[in-house]
Amino acid sequence: MTVSTGPQPENDKDDILLTAGVRYFEASGVTGNFEYSKRLTRADYDEDRISLTVRIDF
């Protein structure tokens, strides 16, 4: 479909979200979390996401 604003993306409703991560726990109260996500099989859309969380109890 073409409109006055230019070509529009396809109506692509299916995708796959792939996520992998690591969690770290220590007895002294330090915890951490690292995750990476990638969305696959979309025609006009790319998504990569990185998440890092650190917690320190003192």
PDB file of N, CA and C in Angstrom:
ATOM      1  N   MET A   1       0.840  -1.181   0.000  1.00  0.00           N
ATOM      2  CA  MET A   1       0.000   0.000   0.000  1.00  0.00           C
ATOM      3  C   MET A   1       0.879   1.236   0.000  1.00  0.00           C
ATOM      4  N   THR A   2       0.589   2.195  -0.843  1.00  0.00           N
ATOM      5  CA  THR A   2       1.352   3.432  -0.904  1.00  0.00           C
ATOM      6  C   THR A   2       0.414   4.594  -0.609  1.00  0.00           C
ATOM      7  N   VAL A   3       0.835   5.470   0.291  1.00  0.00           N
ATOM      8  CA  VAL A   3       0.073   6.663   0.656  1.00  0.00           C
ATOM      9  C   VAL A   3       0.957   7.871   0.458  1.00  0.00           C
ATOM     10  N   SER A   4       0.438   9.067   0.720  1.00  0.00           N
ATOM     11  CA  SER A   4       1.210  10.287   0.488  1.00  0.00           C
ATOM     12  C   SER A   4       2.447  10.392   1.380  1.00  0.00           C
ATOM     13  N   THR A   5       2.484   9.647   2.487  1.00  0.00           N
ATOM     14  CA  THR A   5       3.658   9.678   3.370  1.00  0.00           C
ATOM     15  C   THR A   5       4.715   8.651   2.984  1.00  0.00           C
ATOM     16  N   GLY A   6       4.480   7.870   1.938  1.00  0.00           N
ATOM     17  CA  GLY A   6       5.446   6.874   1.496  1.00  0.00           C
ATOM     18  C   GLY A   6       4.955   5.464   1.743  1.00  0.00           C
ATOM     19  N   PRO A   7       5.786   4.468   1.426  1.00  0.00           N
ATOM     20  CA  PRO A   7       5.377   3.076   1.606  1.00  0.00           C
ATOM     21  C   PRO A   7       5.165   2.731   3.075  1.00  0.00           C
ATOM     22  N   GLN A   8       4.198   1.887   3.317  1.00  0.00           N
ATOM     23  CA  GLN A   8       3.873   1.457   4.671  1.00  0.00           C
ATOM     24  C   GLN A   8       4.409   0.040   4.902  1.00  0.00           C
ATOM     25  N   PRO A   9       4.743  -0.320   6.162  1.00  0.00           N
ATOM     26  CA  PRO A   9       5.220  -1.676   6.428  1.00  0.00           C
ATOM     27  C   PRO A   9       4.120  -2.714   6.215  1.00  0.00           C
ATOM     28  N   GLU A  10       4.551  -3.945   6.002  1.00  0.00           N
ATOM     29  CA  GLU A  10       3.596  -5.033   5.829  1.00  0.00           C
ATOM     30  C   GLU A  10       2.846  -5.291   7.123  1.00  0.00           C
ATOM     31  N   ASN A  11       1.665  -5.888   7.010  1.00  0.00           N
ATOM     32  CA  ASN A  11       0.885  -6.274   8.187  1.00  0.00           C
ATOM     33  C   ASN A  11       1.381  -7.649   8.641  1.00  0.00           C
ATOM     34  N   ASP A  12       2.526  -7.655   9.318  1.00  0.00           N
ATOM     35  CA  ASP A  12       3.223  -8.876   9.724  1.00  0.00           C
ATOM     36  C   ASP A  12       2.987  -9.099  11.212  1.00  0.00           C
ATOM     37  N   LYS A  13       2.084 -10.014  11.551  1.00  0.00           N
ATOM     38  CA  LYS A  13       1.687 -10.191  12.949  1.00  0.00           C
ATOM     39  C   LYS A  13       2.417 -11.317  13.661  1.00  0.00           C
ATOM     40  N   ASP A  14       3.239 -12.090  12.969  1.00  0.00           N
ATOM     41  CA  ASP A  14       3.916 -13.197  13.642  1.00  0.00           C
ATOM     42  C   ASP A  14       5.407 -12.893  13.820  1.00  0.00           C
ATOM     43  N   ASP A  15       5.956 -13.345  14.931  1.00  0.00           N
ATOM     44  CA  ASP A  15       7.373 -13.176  15.190  1.00  0.00           C
ATOM     45  C   ASP A  15       7.817 -14.166  16.260  1.00  0.00           C
ATOM     46  N   ILE A  16       9.123 -14.205  16.488  1.00  0.00           N
ATOM     47  CA  ILE A  16       9.723 -15.035  17.526  1.00  0.00           C
ATOM     48  C   ILE A  16      10.602 -14.133  18.368  1.00  0.00           C
ATOM     49  N   LEU A  17      10.454 -14.207  19.684  1.00  0.00           N
ATOM     50  CA  LEU A  17      11.305 -13.444  20.594  1.00  0.00           C
ATOM     51  C   LEU A  17      12.247 -14.426  21.272  1.00  0.00           C
ATOM     52  N   LEU A  18      13.546 -14.292  20.995  1.00  0.00           N
ATOM     53  CA  LEU A  18      14.576 -15.163  21.543  1.00  0.00           C
ATOM     54  C   LEU A  18      15.314 -14.398  22.642  1.00  0.00           C
ATOM     55  N   THR A  19      15.379 -14.971  23.844  1.00  0.00           N
ATOM     56  CA  THR A  19      16.010 -14.310  24.981  1.00  0.00           C
ATOM     57  C   THR A  19      16.967 -15.272  25.666  1.00  0.00           C
ATOM     58  N   ALA A  20      18.153 -14.753  26.035  1.00  0.00           N
ATOM     59  CA  ALA A  20      19.133 -15.523  26.797  1.00  0.00           C
ATOM     60  C   ALA A  20      19.700 -14.611  27.868  1.00  0.00           C
ATOM     61  N   GLY A  21      20.042 -15.181  29.017  1.00  0.00           N
ATOM     62  CA  GLY A  21      20.559 -14.342  30.078  1.00  0.00           C
ATOM     63  C   GLY A  21      21.286 -15.121  31.150  1.00  0.00           C
ATOM     64  N   VAL A  22      21.897 -14.363  32.066  1.00  0.00           N
ATOM     65  CA  VAL A  22      22.652 -14.923  33.176  1.00  0.00           C
ATOM     66  C   VAL A  22      22.261 -14.162  34.437  1.00  0.00           C
ATOM     67  N   ARG A  23      22.084 -14.894  35.531  1.00  0.00           N
ATOM     68  CA  ARG A  23      21.829 -14.277  36.837  1.00  0.00           C
ATOM     69  C   ARG A  23      22.931 -14.673  37.798  1.00  0.00           C
ATOM     70  N   TYR A  24      23.344 -13.726  38.646  1.00  0.00           N
ATOM     71  CA  TYR A  24      24.437 -13.950  39.592  1.00  0.00           C
ATOM     72  C   TYR A  24      23.972 -13.580  40.991  1.00  0.00           C
ATOM     73  N   PHE A  25      24.171 -14.463  41.940  1.00  0.00           N
ATOM     74  CA  PHE A  25      23.812 -14.215  43.329  1.00  0.00           C
ATOM     75  C   PHE A  25      25.031 -14.500  44.201  1.00  0.00           C
ATOM     76  N   GLU A  26      25.286 -13.610  45.156  1.00  0.00           N
ATOM     77  CA  GLU A  26      26.399 -13.793  46.085  1.00  0.00           C
ATOM     78  C   GLU A  26      25.885 -13.632  47.508  1.00  0.00           C
ATOM     79  N   ALA A  27      26.452 -14.366  48.451  1.00  0.00           N
ATOM     80  CA  ALA A  27      25.998 -14.345  49.848  1.00  0.00           C
ATOM     81  C   ALA A  27      26.171 -12.975  50.502  1.00  0.00           C
ATOM     82  N   SER A  28      27.109 -12.167  50.018  1.00  0.00           N
ATOM     83  CA  SER A  28      27.351 -10.855  50.626  1.00  0.00           C
ATOM     84  C   SER A  28      26.309  -9.802  50.236  1.00  0.00           C
ATOM     85  N   GLY A  29      25.365 -10.144  49.360  1.00  0.00           N
ATOM     86  CA  GLY A  29      24.304  -9.212  48.996  1.00  0.00           C
ATOM     87  C   GLY A  29      24.443  -8.603  47.615  1.00  0.00           C
ATOM     88  N   VAL A  30      25.405  -9.049  46.824  1.00  0.00           N
ATOM     89  CA  VAL A  30      25.568  -8.551  45.460  1.00  0.00           C
ATOM     90  C   VAL A  30      24.813  -9.491  44.521  1.00  0.00           C
ATOM     91  N   THR A  31      23.933  -8.929  43.709  1.00  0.00           N
ATOM     92  CA  THR A  31      23.212  -9.706  42.703  1.00  0.00           C
ATOM     93  C   THR A  31      23.285  -8.983  41.366  1.00  0.00           C
ATOM     94  N   GLY A  32      23.179  -9.732  40.302  1.00  0.00           N
ATOM     95  CA  GLY A  32      23.225  -9.136  38.978  1.00  0.00           C
ATOM     96  C   GLY A  32      22.420  -9.948  37.987  1.00  0.00           C
ATOM     97  N   ASN A  33      22.024  -9.296  36.926  1.00  0.00           N
ATOM     98  CA  ASN A  33      21.220  -9.922  35.880  1.00  0.00           C
ATOM     99  C   ASN A  33      21.614  -9.297  34.543  1.00  0.00           C
ATOM    100  N   PHE A  34      21.919 -10.134  33.552  1.00  0.00           N
ATOM    101  CA  PHE A  34      22.227  -9.673  32.206  1.00  0.00           C
ATOM    102  C   PHE A  34      21.372 -10.469  31.234  1.00  0.00           C
ATOM    103  N   GLU A  35      20.656  -9.780  30.341  1.00  0.00           N
ATOM    104  CA  GLU A  35      19.804 -10.443  29.350  1.00  0.00           C
ATOM    105  C   GLU A  35      20.003  -9.815  27.972  1.00  0.00           C
ATOM    106  N   TYR A  36      19.901 -10.660  26.953  1.00  0.00           N
ATOM    107  CA  TYR A  36      19.917 -10.211  25.566  1.00  0.00           C
ATOM    108  C   TYR A  36      18.696 -10.803  24.874  1.00  0.00           C
ATOM    109  N   SER A  37      17.954  -9.969  24.146  1.00  0.00           N
ATOM    110  CA  SER A  37      16.761 -10.424  23.413  1.00  0.00           C
ATOM    111  C   SER A  37      16.860  -9.989  21.961  1.00  0.00           C
ATOM    112  N   LYS A  38      16.355 -10.842  21.057  1.00  0.00           N
ATOM    113  CA  LYS A  38      16.303 -10.532  19.632  1.00  0.00           C
ATOM    114  C   LYS A  38      14.967 -10.997  19.087  1.00  0.00           C
ATOM    115  N   ARG A  39      14.313 -10.128  18.340  1.00  0.00           N
ATOM    116  CA  ARG A  39      13.038 -10.473  17.695  1.00  0.00           C
ATOM    117  C   ARG A  39      13.335 -10.911  16.267  1.00  0.00           C
ATOM    118  N   LEU A  40      12.786 -12.069  15.887  1.00  0.00           N
ATOM    119  CA  LEU A  40      13.072 -12.673  14.586  1.00  0.00           C
ATOM    120  C   LEU A  40      11.805 -12.810  13.750  1.00  0.00           C
ATOM    121  N   THR A  41      11.981 -13.021  12.478  1.00  0.00           N
ATOM    122  CA  THR A  41      10.961 -13.317  11.447  1.00  0.00           C
ATOM    123  C   THR A  41       9.996 -12.175  11.165  1.00  0.00           C
ATOM    124  N   ARG A  42      10.345 -10.946  11.454  1.00  0.00           N
ATOM    125  CA  ARG A  42       9.515  -9.804  11.067  1.00  0.00           C
ATOM    126  C   ARG A  42      10.012  -9.254   9.744  1.00  0.00           C
ATOM    127  N   ALA A  43       9.113  -8.848   8.879  1.00  0.00           N
ATOM    128  CA  ALA A  43       9.474  -8.391   7.541  1.00  0.00           C
ATOM    129  C   ALA A  43      10.118  -7.003   7.555  1.00  0.00           C
ATOM    130  N   ASP A  44       9.558  -6.059   8.288  1.00  0.00           N
ATOM    131  CA  ASP A  44      10.030  -4.668   8.246  1.00  0.00           C
ATOM    132  C   ASP A  44      10.439  -4.146   9.622  1.00  0.00           C
ATOM    133  N   TYR A  45      10.932  -5.016  10.494  1.00  0.00           N
ATOM    134  CA  TYR A  45      11.178  -4.584  11.871  1.00  0.00           C
ATOM    135  C   TYR A  45      12.337  -5.384  12.449  1.00  0.00           C
ATOM    136  N   ASP A  46      13.300  -4.703  13.048  1.00  0.00           N
ATOM    137  CA  ASP A  46      14.414  -5.344  13.753  1.00  0.00           C
ATOM    138  C   ASP A  46      14.406  -4.879  15.193  1.00  0.00           C
ATOM    139  N   GLU A  47      14.658  -5.786  16.117  1.00  0.00           N
ATOM    140  CA  GLU A  47      14.713  -5.410  17.533  1.00  0.00           C
ATOM    141  C   GLU A  47      15.799  -6.220  18.231  1.00  0.00           C
ATOM    142  N   ASP A  48      16.724  -5.518  18.875  1.00  0.00           N
ATOM    143  CA  ASP A  48      17.730  -6.101  19.749  1.00  0.00           C
ATOM    144  C   ASP A  48      17.640  -5.360  21.073  1.00  0.00           C
ATOM    145  N   ARG A  49      17.677  -6.106  22.174  1.00  0.00           N
ATOM    146  CA  ARG A  49      17.524  -5.475  23.487  1.00  0.00           C
ATOM    147  C   ARG A  49      18.554  -6.068  24.447  1.00  0.00           C
ATOM    148  N   ILE A  50      19.217  -5.182  25.204  1.00  0.00           N
ATOM    149  CA  ILE A  50      20.182  -5.592  26.224  1.00  0.00           C
ATOM    150  C   ILE A  50      19.725  -5.004  27.543  1.00  0.00           C
ATOM    151  N   SER A  51      19.746  -5.831  28.594  1.00  0.00           N
ATOM    152  CA  SER A  51      19.326  -5.387  29.932  1.00  0.00           C
ATOM    153  C   SER A  51      20.394  -5.810  30.929  1.00  0.00           C
ATOM    154  N   LEU A  52      20.807  -4.888  31.794  1.00  0.00           N
ATOM    155  CA  LEU A  52      21.781  -5.162  32.844  1.00  0.00           C
ATOM    156  C   LEU A  52      21.275  -4.543  34.136  1.00  0.00           C
ATOM    157  N   THR A  53      21.174  -5.358  35.172  1.00  0.00           N
ATOM    158  CA  THR A  53      20.746  -4.905  36.487  1.00  0.00           C
ATOM    159  C   THR A  53      21.761  -5.369  37.527  1.00  0.00           C
ATOM    160  N   VAL A  54      22.173  -4.452  38.403  1.00  0.00           N
ATOM    161  CA  VAL A  54      23.091  -4.781  39.485  1.00  0.00           C
ATOM    162  C   VAL A  54      22.497  -4.245  40.787  1.00  0.00           C
ATOM    163  N   ARG A  55      22.551  -5.070  41.832  1.00  0.00           N
ATOM    164  CA  ARG A  55      22.065  -4.638  43.144  1.00  0.00           C
ATOM    165  C   ARG A  55      23.128  -4.958  44.185  1.00  0.00           C
ATOM    166  N   ILE A  56      23.418  -3.971  45.038  1.00  0.00           N
ATOM    167  CA  ILE A  56      24.397  -4.152  46.102  1.00  0.00           C
ATOM    168  C   ILE A  56      23.768  -3.717  47.417  1.00  0.00           C
ATOM    169  N   ASP A  57      23.688  -4.634  48.362  1.00  0.00           N
ATOM    170  CA  ASP A  57      23.195  -4.317  49.699  1.00  0.00           C
ATOM    171  C   ASP A  57      24.376  -3.910  50.575  1.00  0.00           C
ATOM    172  N   PHE A  58      24.219  -2.761  51.269  1.00  0.00           N
ATOM    173  CA  PHE A  58      25.285  -2.338  52.195  1.00  0.00           C
ATOM    174  C   PHE A  58      24.692  -1.622  53.376  1.00  0.00           C
TER     175      PHE A  58
END
